N, C-alpha and C. Protein backbone atom coordinates (compact mmCIF):
# COMPACT_ATOMS: atom_id res chain seq x y z
N MET A 1 0.87 -1.33 -0.08
CA MET A 1 0.03 0.10 0.01
C MET A 1 0.72 1.33 -0.17
N GLN A 2 1.73 1.21 0.61
CA GLN A 2 3.00 2.63 0.86
C GLN A 2 3.42 2.65 -0.47
N THR A 3 3.93 1.57 -0.92
CA THR A 3 4.61 1.77 -2.36
C THR A 3 3.37 2.42 -3.42
N MET A 4 2.50 1.74 -3.43
CA MET A 4 1.16 2.28 -4.35
C MET A 4 0.81 3.77 -4.21
N LEU A 5 1.06 4.21 -2.72
CA LEU A 5 0.34 5.82 -2.84
C LEU A 5 1.74 6.38 -2.61
N GLY A 6 3.05 5.87 -2.91
CA GLY A 6 4.17 6.94 -2.99
C GLY A 6 4.63 7.39 -1.94
N HIS A 7 4.19 6.62 -0.71
CA HIS A 7 4.88 7.27 0.94
C HIS A 7 6.30 6.68 1.13
N GLN A 8 6.91 7.20 1.83
CA GLN A 8 8.42 6.91 2.11
C GLN A 8 8.26 5.89 3.00
N SER A 9 7.54 5.77 3.87
CA SER A 9 7.20 4.62 4.67
C SER A 9 6.00 4.18 4.89
N ALA A 10 5.83 3.13 5.63
CA ALA A 10 4.25 2.49 6.07
C ALA A 10 3.82 3.35 7.15
N THR A 11 4.85 4.03 7.87
CA THR A 11 4.39 4.82 9.29
C THR A 11 3.55 6.20 8.32
N MET A 12 4.09 6.38 7.35
CA MET A 12 3.37 7.56 6.97
C MET A 12 1.90 7.25 6.36
N THR A 13 1.87 6.23 5.62
CA THR A 13 0.78 5.79 5.25
C THR A 13 -0.35 5.61 6.60
N LEU A 14 0.10 4.94 7.86
CA LEU A 14 -0.76 4.55 8.62
C LEU A 14 -1.31 5.86 9.33
N ASP A 15 -0.33 6.77 9.47
CA ASP A 15 -0.64 8.08 10.15
C ASP A 15 -1.43 8.72 9.27
N LEU A 16 -1.55 8.80 8.00
CA LEU A 16 -2.33 9.34 6.91
C LEU A 16 -4.00 8.85 6.97
N TYR A 17 -4.02 7.55 6.76
CA TYR A 17 -5.07 6.98 7.00
C TYR A 17 -5.55 5.86 7.93
N GLY A 18 -4.62 5.54 8.60
CA GLY A 18 -4.92 4.59 9.89
C GLY A 18 -6.45 4.95 10.44
N HIS A 19 -6.78 5.80 10.84
CA HIS A 19 -7.87 6.51 11.48
C HIS A 19 -9.23 5.65 10.75
N LEU A 20 -9.05 6.23 9.27
CA LEU A 20 -10.09 5.74 8.43
C LEU A 20 -10.53 4.16 8.73
N LEU A 21 -9.89 3.23 9.03
CA LEU A 21 -10.32 1.94 8.88
C LEU A 21 -10.06 1.31 10.69
N ALA A 22 -9.88 2.25 11.74
CA ALA A 22 -9.91 1.88 13.12
C ALA A 22 -10.30 0.77 13.62
N ASP A 23 -11.56 0.63 13.18
CA ASP A 23 -12.39 -0.54 13.78
C ASP A 23 -12.20 -1.71 12.93
N GLN A 24 -11.59 -1.71 11.60
CA GLN A 24 -12.00 -2.61 10.72
C GLN A 24 -10.39 -3.20 10.46
N LEU A 25 -9.44 -3.10 11.63
CA LEU A 25 -8.17 -3.36 11.34
C LEU A 25 -8.02 -4.84 11.03
N ASP A 26 -8.45 -5.91 11.78
CA ASP A 26 -8.18 -7.06 11.44
C ASP A 26 -9.07 -7.55 10.12
N GLU A 27 -9.99 -6.88 9.43
CA GLU A 27 -10.44 -7.45 8.41
C GLU A 27 -9.42 -6.89 7.25
N VAL A 28 -8.71 -5.66 7.48
CA VAL A 28 -8.10 -5.14 6.57
C VAL A 28 -6.93 -6.18 6.47
N ALA A 29 -6.11 -6.38 7.72
CA ALA A 29 -5.28 -7.36 7.56
C ALA A 29 -5.42 -8.78 6.96
N ASP A 30 -6.47 -9.24 7.38
CA ASP A 30 -6.69 -10.36 6.70
C ASP A 30 -6.99 -10.22 5.06
N ALA A 31 -7.68 -9.17 4.61
CA ALA A 31 -7.73 -8.80 3.34
C ALA A 31 -6.17 -9.18 2.53
N MET A 32 -5.42 -8.18 3.31
CA MET A 32 -4.01 -8.03 2.84
C MET A 32 -3.62 -9.27 2.70
N ASP A 33 -3.39 -10.00 3.55
CA ASP A 33 -2.76 -11.57 3.58
C ASP A 33 -3.11 -12.23 2.51
N ALA A 34 -4.94 -12.30 2.08
CA ALA A 34 -5.17 -13.09 1.27
C ALA A 34 -4.55 -12.81 -0.05
N ALA A 35 -4.25 -11.18 -0.27
CA ALA A 35 -3.93 -11.04 -1.57
C ALA A 35 -2.33 -11.14 -1.77
N ARG A 36 -1.48 -11.50 -0.60
CA ARG A 36 -0.21 -11.75 -0.82
C ARG A 36 0.12 -13.17 -1.60
N PRO A 37 1.08 -12.91 -2.42
CA PRO A 37 1.55 -14.58 -3.02
C PRO A 37 1.72 -15.44 -1.72
N ASN A 38 1.89 -16.76 -2.18
CA ASN A 38 2.08 -18.09 -0.90
C ASN A 38 3.43 -17.46 -0.27
N GLY A 39 3.58 -17.45 1.16
CA GLY A 39 4.95 -17.30 1.69
C GLY A 39 5.20 -15.90 2.18
N ALA A 40 4.45 -14.96 1.34
CA ALA A 40 4.90 -13.41 1.73
C ALA A 40 4.60 -13.11 3.30
N THR A 41 3.60 -14.00 3.52
CA THR A 41 2.71 -13.53 5.00
C THR A 41 3.85 -14.28 5.97
N GLN A 42 4.44 -15.28 5.85
CA GLN A 42 5.40 -15.80 6.66
C GLN A 42 6.84 -15.01 6.77
N ARG A 43 6.93 -14.55 5.69
CA ARG A 43 8.37 -13.70 5.80
C ARG A 43 8.18 -12.56 6.35
N VAL A 44 6.91 -11.99 6.08
CA VAL A 44 6.82 -10.61 6.88
C VAL A 44 6.35 -10.59 8.43
N ALA A 45 5.82 -11.80 8.62
CA ALA A 45 6.16 -12.39 9.96
C ALA A 45 7.20 -12.29 10.59
N ALA A 46 7.91 -13.18 10.27
CA ALA A 46 9.40 -13.27 10.59
C ALA A 46 10.46 -12.02 10.61
N SER A 47 10.13 -11.22 9.83
CA SER A 47 10.92 -9.84 10.01
C SER A 47 10.26 -9.12 10.97
N ILE A 48 9.04 -9.10 11.34
CA ILE A 48 8.42 -8.49 12.14
C ILE A 48 8.91 -8.92 13.67
N THR A 49 8.91 -10.18 14.00
CA THR A 49 9.36 -10.84 14.93
C THR A 49 10.53 -10.18 15.42
N ALA A 50 11.51 -10.39 14.24
CA ALA A 50 13.12 -9.88 14.31
C ALA A 50 13.44 -8.56 14.70
N LEU A 51 12.45 -7.70 14.65
CA LEU A 51 12.66 -6.40 14.99
C LEU A 51 12.64 -5.97 16.60
N PRO A 52 13.79 -5.22 16.92
CA PRO A 52 14.03 -5.14 18.29
C PRO A 52 12.83 -4.32 19.01
N VAL A 53 12.49 -4.72 20.36
CA VAL A 53 11.61 -3.85 20.90
C VAL A 53 12.20 -2.59 21.60
N VAL A 54 11.20 -1.64 21.45
CA VAL A 54 11.41 0.02 21.86
C VAL A 54 10.98 0.12 22.89
N THR A 55 11.44 0.50 24.09
CA THR A 55 10.70 0.59 25.41
C THR A 55 10.72 2.14 25.89
C-alpha cells in the first residue's frame, strides 16, 4: 500500500489513513494477507518478530 501511494514509509501511510479503518484493522489485515503471494505472509511475520523492541 505504501508503495502504491508513493509514501516513503508505512508509518506515513498509517498516520494518514489509519484512522479511517480503526474499527476494521483485522479485516484489512486479513484481506491484505489473502492478496499476498504464498509465503509472503510468513516472511513478513518473521521480519516483524526479528525487529528490536523499543521501550
